[in-house]
Amino acid sequence: MTSSVRNILKVPELRRRLLITLGLLIVFRIGCYVTVPGVNTAVVSDMMAKAQEGAGAYGALFGMMSLFTGGAFGQMALFGMGVMPYISASIILQLLTTSVPYLEALAKEGEAGRKKIRRIERYVTVGLCLFQGYVLVKVVEGSTGMAGTGASLVSPSVPPLLFEAMAVLALTTGSIFLMWIGEQMTEYGIGNGISLIIMAGIVARAPVALNQILMNVNWKLEANPGKTSILTLVLLVCLFAFIVAGIVLITQAQRRIPMQQAKQTRGRRVIGGQRHYMPLRVNQAGVIPIIFASSLLVFPTIIIKALERPLPGVYAFLAPIATGRGFAYITLYAALIIFFCFFWTAVTFNPTQMSENLRDYGTFVPGIRPGRRTADYLETVMMRVTMAGAVFLAVIAIVPTALSNFTGFNWQVTGFFGGTGLLIVVGVALDLVERIETHLLMRHYEGFMRKGRIRGRM
């Protein structure tokens, strides 16, 4: 490890990129502590903490937002919305590219078309920032007394309209500035800037989660029902290592389809005939299905809670879905994740177009006829691979709920030691290591990984 670090510092370009990345991440962390003007930060933090400790989709959503923004969401900081509006805009544009002819034509124009799509993406991001910022500000304004102290979440000396304008403008500016930081990090730093910002926000919450665990452990041999036993702590550590190993395995796992290039005779030369592989990732959708499912479960919770007074019988029947802990909630959550895995794979993976491209380049799957047969074969293989990835994502997603039920920790703690946060951290860390290793191997240095490069599995 020491020699690898020395090799990294010997490469001027790699050293410069790492310093730029580190400096921009420091700027991001500083912005997480600059609060929006006119907000009573102590009351807001207390309210967010109580919301995350509570059950239901609200607590899970607040915990996820606080996790992704490094705690800025819970403090109503300038970066309180993080890069989520930009990610939402990217997902929306990617979905529309497959259905809107104009965007589909831009995507086929090469780099010029992609620049236009990125420009549209930025405009959509600004619109989402304004909308989400206004909704967040109205929630804060209408949540007086939710923290249990009766204190106002907004400073009484600030007029409501002025506070709304300042807060929405501040939150929007913070998210746009974060988007710019991510783009600069991608261009001049190393790794994907947006992913690194999310990873930094998650890792920044690790000391808080670790401190809550250590404070709740019963270090004495005497029985204490309100504390977690040392045996439970050991099991948590073992489970953490097992989940990390599983995430690495699934993230790097690939289904390699053999490909054969047709031989072509040009004059006296015979070219082509090479044999290679087409890698299909097991986890093709990443963490997007978990984000979609978590956001979608908020709406049933709102509807169910609205039925508590007018229809108590219907509320009693549907209440288990809104608890965030019961069998009905976990089953619905897992089913939505599996559905969105197949949905996102169907949107991003087009077997018909892929088979046509293979035929145009003179490449075919051995034993499969080009054209429709190849498209059906690729679709069948991708569906089987996606099922394995979907089940894995569903299991990873319900780990925080299971840990919370078993240990009594809130979602803010269990959301880091299992689930979406850990999945993002491991995936981004693997990508960062691969990029550093590529820079080292290009300059004839020993790779970052001593036993060879990180490779996918069959």
Protein backbone atom coordinates (compact mmCIF):
# COMPACT_ATOMS: atom_id res chain seq x y z
CA MET A 1 0.00 0.00 0.00
CA THR A 2 2.85 2.40 0.83
CA SER A 3 4.57 1.79 -2.50
CA SER A 4 1.27 2.28 -4.33
CA VAL A 5 0.76 5.65 -2.65
CA ARG A 6 4.30 6.66 -3.59
CA ASN A 7 3.63 5.66 -7.20
CA ILE A 8 0.49 7.81 -7.22
CA LEU A 9 2.42 10.83 -5.96
CA LYS A 10 5.13 10.31 -8.61
CA VAL A 11 2.69 10.94 -11.47
CA PRO A 12 2.21 14.75 -11.79
CA GLU A 13 -1.09 14.57 -13.67
CA LEU A 14 -2.60 12.01 -11.30
CA ARG A 15 -1.38 13.97 -8.29
CA ARG A 16 -2.93 17.17 -9.66
CA ARG A 17 -6.25 15.45 -10.36
CA LEU A 18 -6.38 13.97 -6.86
CA LEU A 19 -5.65 17.35 -5.25
CA ILE A 20 -8.35 19.05 -7.33
CA THR A 21 -10.85 16.35 -6.37
CA LEU A 22 -9.94 16.64 -2.68
CA GLY A 23 -10.19 20.45 -2.75
CA LEU A 24 -13.63 20.42 -4.38
CA LEU A 25 -14.86 17.83 -1.86
CA ILE A 26 -13.70 20.12 0.97
CA VAL A 27 -15.72 22.96 -0.58
CA PHE A 28 -18.74 20.64 -0.63
CA ARG A 29 -18.33 19.78 3.05
CA ILE A 30 -18.01 23.47 4.01
CA GLY A 31 -21.26 24.27 2.18
CA CYS A 32 -23.07 21.57 4.17
CA TYR A 33 -22.70 23.71 7.31
CA VAL A 34 -23.81 27.06 5.82
CA THR A 35 -27.48 27.30 6.75
CA VAL A 36 -30.29 28.98 4.86
CA PRO A 37 -30.99 32.53 6.19
CA GLY A 38 -33.91 32.82 8.59
CA VAL A 39 -33.99 29.18 9.79
CA ASN A 40 -33.85 28.14 13.43
CA THR A 41 -31.25 25.43 12.90
CA ALA A 42 -31.51 23.85 16.36
CA VAL A 43 -35.25 23.24 16.01
CA VAL A 44 -34.93 22.03 12.42
CA SER A 45 -32.22 19.51 13.36
CA ASP A 46 -34.37 18.23 16.23
CA MET A 47 -37.39 17.86 13.95
CA MET A 48 -35.43 16.00 11.28
CA ALA A 49 -33.90 13.68 13.88
CA LYS A 50 -37.34 12.82 15.28
CA ALA A 51 -38.68 12.23 11.77
CA GLN A 52 -35.82 9.83 11.00
CA GLU A 53 -36.30 7.96 14.27
CA GLY A 54 -39.98 7.46 13.51
CA ALA A 55 -41.37 4.63 11.45
CA GLY A 56 -42.80 4.79 8.01
CA ALA A 57 -41.73 5.96 4.60
CA TYR A 58 -41.29 9.53 5.87
CA GLY A 59 -38.52 8.45 8.21
CA ALA A 60 -36.84 6.36 5.53
CA LEU A 61 -37.05 9.18 2.99
CA PHE A 62 -35.72 11.80 5.43
CA GLY A 63 -32.95 9.42 6.47
CA MET A 64 -32.00 8.74 2.84
CA MET A 65 -31.96 12.46 1.97
CA SER A 66 -29.83 13.23 5.02
CA LEU A 67 -27.52 10.37 4.12
CA PHE A 68 -27.05 11.48 0.50
CA THR A 69 -26.42 15.13 1.45
CA GLY A 70 -24.01 14.46 4.29
CA GLY A 71 -26.41 15.84 6.91
CA ALA A 72 -27.05 19.09 5.01
CA PHE A 73 -30.73 18.20 4.52
CA GLY A 74 -31.24 17.81 8.27
CA GLN A 75 -29.73 21.24 8.92
CA MET A 76 -31.43 23.16 6.10
CA ALA A 77 -28.03 24.09 4.69
CA LEU A 78 -27.31 25.60 1.27
CA PHE A 79 -26.58 22.13 -0.06
CA GLY A 80 -29.71 20.75 1.62
CA MET A 81 -31.08 19.27 -1.62
CA GLY A 82 -27.68 17.97 -2.70
CA VAL A 83 -27.37 16.73 -6.27
CA MET A 84 -30.71 14.89 -6.20
CA PRO A 85 -32.42 17.41 -8.56
CA TYR A 86 -29.60 16.93 -11.07
CA ILE A 87 -29.88 13.14 -10.79
CA SER A 88 -33.66 13.35 -11.23
CA ALA A 89 -33.21 15.53 -14.32
CA SER A 90 -30.69 13.07 -15.75
CA ILE A 91 -33.09 10.17 -15.21
CA ILE A 92 -35.99 12.09 -16.77
CA LEU A 93 -33.92 13.02 -19.85
CA GLN A 94 -32.68 9.46 -20.21
CA LEU A 95 -36.23 8.14 -20.12
CA LEU A 96 -37.46 10.77 -22.59
CA THR A 97 -34.57 10.08 -24.98
CA THR A 98 -36.06 6.69 -25.77
CA SER A 99 -39.55 8.06 -26.42
CA VAL A 100 -39.20 11.64 -27.76
CA PRO A 101 -38.02 11.70 -31.41
CA TYR A 102 -36.23 15.05 -31.05
CA LEU A 103 -34.12 13.87 -28.10
CA GLU A 104 -33.51 10.52 -29.77
CA ALA A 105 -32.19 12.34 -32.86
CA LEU A 106 -29.92 14.50 -30.68
CA ALA A 107 -28.50 11.41 -28.99
CA LYS A 108 -27.48 10.04 -32.42
CA GLU A 109 -25.68 13.25 -33.47
CA GLY A 110 -22.56 12.46 -31.45
CA GLU A 111 -20.82 14.94 -29.18
CA ALA A 112 -22.76 17.97 -30.53
CA GLY A 113 -26.08 16.30 -29.74
CA ARG A 114 -24.91 15.26 -26.29
CA LYS A 115 -23.95 18.86 -25.52
CA LYS A 116 -27.48 20.01 -26.40
CA ILE A 117 -28.96 17.28 -24.20
CA ARG A 118 -26.72 18.35 -21.31
CA ARG A 119 -27.88 21.95 -21.79
CA ILE A 120 -31.53 20.84 -21.62
CA GLU A 121 -30.61 18.75 -18.58
CA ARG A 122 -29.31 21.83 -16.78
CA TYR A 123 -32.50 23.78 -17.50
CA VAL A 124 -34.60 20.89 -16.17
CA THR A 125 -32.37 20.80 -13.08
CA VAL A 126 -33.05 24.48 -12.37
CA GLY A 127 -36.81 23.88 -12.67
CA LEU A 128 -36.67 20.88 -10.33
CA CYS A 129 -34.56 22.84 -7.85
CA LEU A 130 -37.11 25.66 -7.72
CA PHE A 131 -40.01 23.22 -7.28
CA GLN A 132 -38.35 20.97 -4.69
CA GLY A 133 -36.93 23.97 -2.84
CA TYR A 134 -40.38 25.57 -2.59
CA VAL A 135 -41.92 22.31 -1.34
CA LEU A 136 -39.17 21.89 1.26
CA VAL A 137 -39.57 25.48 2.45
CA LYS A 138 -43.35 25.10 2.80
CA VAL A 139 -42.84 21.89 4.81
CA VAL A 140 -40.46 23.73 7.14
CA GLU A 141 -42.86 26.67 7.49
CA GLY A 142 -45.82 24.41 8.24
CA SER A 143 -43.96 22.21 10.72
CA THR A 144 -43.99 24.55 13.71
CA GLY A 145 -44.02 22.52 16.88
CA MET A 146 -43.25 19.17 15.22
CA ALA A 147 -39.97 19.00 17.07
CA GLY A 148 -41.85 18.72 20.33
CA THR A 149 -40.69 22.06 21.76
CA GLY A 150 -43.37 24.30 20.27
CA ALA A 151 -40.68 26.61 18.94
CA SER A 152 -40.95 28.06 15.46
CA LEU A 153 -38.72 26.57 12.79
CA VAL A 154 -38.50 29.95 11.06
CA SER A 155 -37.17 33.05 12.75
CA PRO A 156 -40.17 35.29 13.63
CA SER A 157 -38.22 38.40 12.62
CA VAL A 158 -38.22 37.36 8.95
CA PRO A 159 -41.41 38.00 6.92
CA PRO A 160 -42.84 34.80 5.37
CA LEU A 161 -42.61 35.93 1.75
CA LEU A 162 -39.04 37.16 2.19
CA PHE A 163 -38.05 33.91 3.88
CA GLU A 164 -39.58 31.80 1.11
CA ALA A 165 -37.83 33.81 -1.61
CA MET A 166 -34.45 33.73 0.17
CA ALA A 167 -34.68 30.05 1.07
CA VAL A 168 -35.75 28.86 -2.40
CA LEU A 169 -33.06 30.98 -4.05
CA ALA A 170 -30.41 29.74 -1.60
CA LEU A 171 -31.32 26.07 -2.00
CA THR A 172 -31.48 26.38 -5.80
CA THR A 173 -28.12 28.17 -5.94
CA GLY A 174 -26.57 25.52 -3.69
CA SER A 175 -27.75 22.63 -5.87
CA ILE A 176 -26.64 24.36 -9.10
CA PHE A 177 -23.25 25.12 -7.55
CA LEU A 178 -22.94 21.45 -6.53
CA MET A 179 -23.78 20.43 -10.09
CA TRP A 180 -20.99 22.71 -11.34
CA ILE A 181 -18.57 21.26 -8.77
CA GLY A 182 -19.42 17.74 -9.95
CA GLU A 183 -18.82 18.65 -13.60
CA GLN A 184 -15.48 20.29 -12.77
CA MET A 185 -14.48 17.26 -10.73
CA THR A 186 -15.32 14.94 -13.62
CA GLU A 187 -13.36 17.03 -16.14
CA TYR A 188 -10.31 18.10 -14.12
CA GLY A 189 -10.34 15.64 -11.22
CA ILE A 190 -10.58 11.88 -11.17
CA GLY A 191 -13.75 9.81 -11.14
CA ASN A 192 -17.38 10.79 -11.65
CA GLY A 193 -17.90 14.05 -9.78
CA ILE A 194 -21.59 13.57 -8.95
CA SER A 195 -20.95 10.06 -7.62
CA LEU A 196 -18.02 11.27 -5.52
CA ILE A 197 -20.17 14.04 -3.99
CA ILE A 198 -22.82 11.50 -2.98
CA MET A 199 -20.13 9.17 -1.64
CA ALA A 200 -18.55 11.99 0.38
CA GLY A 201 -21.91 12.83 1.92
CA ILE A 202 -22.49 9.22 2.92
CA VAL A 203 -18.99 8.71 4.33
CA ALA A 204 -19.30 11.95 6.32
CA ARG A 205 -22.19 10.39 8.26
CA ALA A 206 -20.14 7.31 9.20
CA PRO A 207 -18.65 8.78 12.42
CA VAL A 208 -22.14 9.77 13.61
CA ALA A 209 -23.51 6.28 12.95
CA LEU A 210 -20.48 4.62 14.54
CA ASN A 211 -20.74 6.83 17.63
CA GLN A 212 -24.43 5.99 18.07
CA ILE A 213 -23.63 2.29 17.88
CA LEU A 214 -20.77 2.48 20.39
CA MET A 215 -22.84 4.60 22.78
CA ASN A 216 -25.66 2.05 22.68
CA VAL A 217 -23.46 -1.00 23.37
CA ASN A 218 -23.50 -2.59 26.81
CA TRP A 219 -19.78 -2.97 27.54
CA LYS A 220 -20.47 -4.57 30.92
CA LEU A 221 -21.44 -8.19 31.42
CA GLU A 222 -24.46 -7.16 33.48
CA ALA A 223 -27.86 -7.50 31.82
CA ASN A 224 -29.25 -4.24 30.44
CA PRO A 225 -32.39 -4.50 28.25
CA GLY A 226 -31.94 -0.97 26.89
CA LYS A 227 -28.46 -1.62 25.51
CA THR A 228 -27.05 -3.71 22.66
CA SER A 229 -24.95 -6.68 23.73
CA ILE A 230 -21.35 -7.21 22.63
CA LEU A 231 -22.42 -10.36 20.79
CA THR A 232 -24.84 -8.29 18.72
CA LEU A 233 -22.02 -5.85 17.91
CA VAL A 234 -19.82 -8.73 16.72
CA LEU A 235 -22.66 -10.02 14.56
CA LEU A 236 -23.09 -6.52 13.09
CA VAL A 237 -19.40 -6.37 12.18
CA CYS A 238 -19.55 -9.80 10.53
CA LEU A 239 -22.73 -8.87 8.68
CA PHE A 240 -21.10 -5.62 7.51
CA ALA A 241 -18.12 -7.53 6.07
CA PHE A 242 -20.43 -10.06 4.43
CA ILE A 243 -22.57 -7.33 2.81
CA VAL A 244 -19.48 -5.48 1.51
CA ALA A 245 -18.14 -8.70 -0.02
CA GLY A 246 -21.53 -9.39 -1.63
CA ILE A 247 -21.78 -5.87 -3.03
CA VAL A 248 -18.29 -6.12 -4.54
CA LEU A 249 -19.16 -9.49 -6.06
CA ILE A 250 -22.44 -8.33 -7.62
CA THR A 251 -21.10 -4.94 -8.72
CA GLN A 252 -18.21 -6.55 -10.61
CA ALA A 253 -20.19 -9.58 -11.80
CA GLN A 254 -20.77 -9.92 -15.53
CA ARG A 255 -22.41 -12.37 -17.88
CA ARG A 256 -20.00 -12.59 -20.79
CA ILE A 257 -21.58 -13.56 -24.09
CA PRO A 258 -19.07 -14.92 -26.64
CA MET A 259 -18.87 -12.96 -29.89
CA GLN A 260 -17.29 -13.99 -33.20
CA GLN A 261 -16.24 -11.50 -35.86
CA ALA A 262 -16.75 -12.62 -39.44
CA LYS A 263 -13.67 -13.02 -41.63
CA GLN A 264 -13.33 -10.65 -44.58
CA THR A 265 -10.99 -11.01 -47.54
CA ARG A 266 -9.52 -7.82 -48.95
CA GLY A 267 -7.12 -8.60 -51.79
CA ARG A 268 -4.73 -11.17 -50.41
CA ARG A 269 -5.34 -10.25 -46.81
CA VAL A 270 -7.85 -11.91 -44.50
CA ILE A 271 -8.99 -9.65 -41.68
CA GLY A 272 -11.39 -10.23 -38.83
CA GLY A 273 -12.18 -13.57 -37.29
CA GLN A 274 -11.35 -12.42 -33.75
CA ARG A 275 -13.26 -13.82 -30.81
CA HIS A 276 -14.29 -11.56 -27.95
CA TYR A 277 -17.02 -11.16 -25.34
CA MET A 278 -19.96 -8.86 -24.71
CA PRO A 279 -20.20 -8.16 -20.95
CA LEU A 280 -23.70 -7.83 -19.46
CA ARG A 281 -23.67 -6.44 -15.94
CA VAL A 282 -25.68 -8.30 -13.31
CA ASN A 283 -26.57 -5.04 -11.54
CA GLN A 284 -27.46 -3.09 -14.68
CA ALA A 285 -29.75 -0.58 -12.93
CA GLY A 286 -27.45 0.35 -10.03
CA VAL A 287 -29.23 2.01 -7.10
CA ILE A 288 -31.90 3.74 -9.20
CA PRO A 289 -34.64 1.13 -8.41
CA ILE A 290 -34.11 1.65 -4.66
CA ILE A 291 -34.40 5.43 -5.03
CA PHE A 292 -37.55 5.11 -7.15
CA ALA A 293 -39.20 2.64 -4.77
CA SER A 294 -38.39 4.70 -1.67
CA SER A 295 -39.81 7.86 -3.24
CA LEU A 296 -42.93 6.10 -4.50
CA LEU A 297 -43.76 4.64 -1.09
CA VAL A 298 -44.21 8.15 0.33
CA PHE A 299 -47.50 8.62 -1.55
CA PRO A 300 -49.29 5.55 -0.07
CA THR A 301 -48.16 6.71 3.37
CA ILE A 302 -49.72 10.14 2.83
CA ILE A 303 -52.99 8.63 1.55
CA ILE A 304 -53.21 6.07 4.35
CA LYS A 305 -52.62 8.66 7.07
CA ALA A 306 -55.26 10.90 5.50
CA LEU A 307 -57.82 8.08 5.96
CA GLU A 308 -57.20 7.75 9.70
CA ARG A 309 -60.10 9.98 10.80
CA PRO A 310 -62.73 9.71 8.01
CA LEU A 311 -62.32 5.94 7.43
CA PRO A 312 -60.84 4.29 10.54
CA GLY A 313 -61.68 0.78 9.29
CA VAL A 314 -59.83 1.26 5.99
CA TYR A 315 -56.95 2.90 7.86
CA ALA A 316 -56.64 -0.06 10.24
CA PHE A 317 -56.52 -2.44 7.24
CA LEU A 318 -53.86 -0.44 5.35
CA ALA A 319 -51.89 0.84 8.35
CA PRO A 320 -49.20 -1.95 8.19
CA ILE A 321 -48.00 -0.52 4.87
CA ALA A 322 -47.30 2.87 6.48
CA THR A 323 -45.36 1.50 9.46
CA GLY A 324 -42.13 0.96 7.54
CA ARG A 325 -41.40 -2.14 9.62
CA GLY A 326 -44.07 -4.74 8.97
CA PHE A 327 -44.18 -7.64 6.56
CA ALA A 328 -46.59 -5.80 4.23
CA TYR A 329 -44.29 -2.79 3.90
CA ILE A 330 -41.18 -4.91 3.29
CA THR A 331 -42.98 -7.06 0.71
CA LEU A 332 -44.29 -4.02 -1.18
CA TYR A 333 -40.86 -2.37 -1.01
CA ALA A 334 -39.09 -5.44 -2.41
CA ALA A 335 -41.70 -5.88 -5.16
CA LEU A 336 -41.29 -2.26 -6.27
CA ILE A 337 -37.50 -2.61 -6.38
CA ILE A 338 -37.71 -5.74 -8.55
CA PHE A 339 -40.23 -4.03 -10.85
CA PHE A 340 -38.08 -0.93 -11.30
CA CYS A 341 -35.01 -3.11 -11.96
CA PHE A 342 -36.74 -4.69 -14.95
CA PHE A 343 -38.24 -1.35 -16.00
CA TRP A 344 -34.92 0.51 -15.98
CA THR A 345 -33.14 -2.36 -17.76
CA ALA A 346 -35.85 -2.38 -20.45
CA VAL A 347 -35.37 1.37 -20.93
CA THR A 348 -31.56 1.38 -21.10
CA PHE A 349 -30.95 -1.98 -22.82
CA ASN A 350 -32.26 -2.31 -26.39
CA PRO A 351 -31.53 -5.83 -27.71
CA THR A 352 -32.99 -5.09 -31.16
CA GLN A 353 -30.72 -2.12 -31.77
CA MET A 354 -27.76 -4.01 -30.34
CA SER A 355 -28.35 -6.98 -32.67
CA GLU A 356 -28.56 -4.61 -35.64
CA ASN A 357 -25.27 -2.97 -34.67
CA LEU A 358 -23.62 -6.37 -34.34
CA ARG A 359 -24.87 -7.38 -37.79
CA ASP A 360 -23.64 -4.13 -39.34
CA TYR A 361 -20.15 -4.69 -37.93
CA GLY A 362 -20.08 -8.32 -39.04
CA THR A 363 -20.21 -9.75 -35.53
CA PHE A 364 -22.44 -12.61 -34.40
CA VAL A 365 -23.07 -14.91 -31.46
CA PRO A 366 -21.81 -18.43 -32.28
CA GLY A 367 -24.76 -20.72 -32.89
CA ILE A 368 -27.29 -17.85 -33.07
CA ARG A 369 -28.48 -16.39 -36.37
CA PRO A 370 -28.05 -12.60 -36.75
CA GLY A 371 -31.09 -10.36 -36.56
CA ARG A 372 -34.22 -11.31 -34.67
CA ARG A 373 -32.77 -14.53 -33.21
CA THR A 374 -29.83 -12.61 -31.71
CA ALA A 375 -32.17 -9.95 -30.25
CA ASP A 376 -34.34 -12.65 -28.61
CA TYR A 377 -31.25 -14.39 -27.23
CA LEU A 378 -29.82 -11.17 -25.75
CA GLU A 379 -33.19 -10.27 -24.23
CA THR A 380 -33.57 -13.71 -22.63
CA VAL A 381 -30.08 -13.63 -21.13
CA MET A 382 -30.52 -10.06 -19.87
CA MET A 383 -33.83 -10.91 -18.18
CA ARG A 384 -32.25 -13.83 -16.34
CA VAL A 385 -29.29 -11.74 -15.27
CA THR A 386 -31.57 -8.89 -14.20
CA MET A 387 -33.58 -11.22 -11.99
CA ALA A 388 -30.45 -12.10 -10.02
CA GLY A 389 -29.49 -8.42 -9.70
CA ALA A 390 -33.05 -7.42 -8.72
CA VAL A 391 -33.25 -10.00 -5.93
CA PHE A 392 -29.85 -8.86 -4.66
CA LEU A 393 -30.96 -5.21 -4.62
CA ALA A 394 -34.18 -6.10 -2.80
CA VAL A 395 -32.23 -7.99 -0.12
CA ILE A 396 -29.74 -5.14 0.30
CA ALA A 397 -32.56 -2.58 0.51
CA ILE A 398 -34.39 -4.33 3.36
CA VAL A 399 -31.21 -4.84 5.42
CA PRO A 400 -31.59 -1.44 7.20
CA THR A 401 -35.17 -2.27 8.21
CA ALA A 402 -34.17 -5.73 9.43
CA LEU A 403 -31.24 -4.30 11.41
CA SER A 404 -33.46 -1.61 12.90
CA ASN A 405 -35.98 -4.21 14.06
CA PHE A 406 -33.27 -6.47 15.44
CA THR A 407 -30.96 -3.96 17.13
CA GLY A 408 -33.28 -1.02 17.85
CA PHE A 409 -31.07 1.50 16.02
CA ASN A 410 -32.77 4.17 13.95
CA TRP A 411 -32.64 4.33 10.14
CA GLN A 412 -29.85 6.92 10.20
CA VAL A 413 -27.50 4.29 11.65
CA THR A 414 -28.67 1.16 9.86
CA GLY A 415 -28.97 3.06 6.56
CA PHE A 416 -25.19 3.38 6.42
CA PHE A 417 -24.15 -0.08 7.60
CA GLY A 418 -26.42 -1.71 5.06
CA GLY A 419 -28.55 -0.80 2.09
CA THR A 420 -28.30 1.99 -0.45
CA GLY A 421 -25.54 3.98 1.25
CA LEU A 422 -23.15 1.06 1.43
CA LEU A 423 -24.00 0.05 -2.13
CA ILE A 424 -23.09 3.53 -3.43
CA VAL A 425 -19.89 3.80 -1.37
CA VAL A 426 -18.55 0.43 -2.51
CA GLY A 427 -19.49 1.02 -6.16
CA VAL A 428 -17.90 4.50 -6.33
CA ALA A 429 -14.80 3.31 -4.45
CA LEU A 430 -14.31 0.45 -6.93
CA ASP A 431 -14.65 2.87 -9.85
CA LEU A 432 -12.13 5.27 -8.26
CA VAL A 433 -9.60 2.47 -7.69
CA GLU A 434 -9.96 1.31 -11.29
CA ARG A 435 -9.34 4.84 -12.62
CA ILE A 436 -6.24 5.32 -10.44
CA GLU A 437 -4.95 1.91 -11.49
CA THR A 438 -5.45 2.79 -15.16
CA HIS A 439 -3.35 5.95 -14.77
CA LEU A 440 -0.59 3.97 -13.05
CA LEU A 441 -0.49 1.17 -15.61
CA MET A 442 -0.42 3.66 -18.51
CA ARG A 443 2.85 5.04 -17.11
CA HIS A 444 4.34 1.59 -16.46
CA TYR A 445 3.88 1.72 -12.71
CA GLU A 446 2.66 -1.19 -10.66
CA GLY A 447 -1.12 -1.23 -10.40
CA PHE A 448 -2.94 -0.12 -7.28
CA MET A 449 -4.15 -3.69 -6.78
CA ARG A 450 -1.15 -5.96 -6.19
CA LYS A 451 -2.76 -9.14 -7.52
CA GLY A 452 -3.93 -7.74 -10.82
CA ARG A 453 -6.68 -5.47 -11.98
CA ILE A 454 -10.26 -5.65 -10.77
CA ARG A 455 -12.09 -7.88 -13.19
CA GLY A 456 -15.66 -8.95 -13.68
CA ARG A 457 -16.74 -12.52 -13.17
CA MET A 458 -18.36 -14.93 -15.51
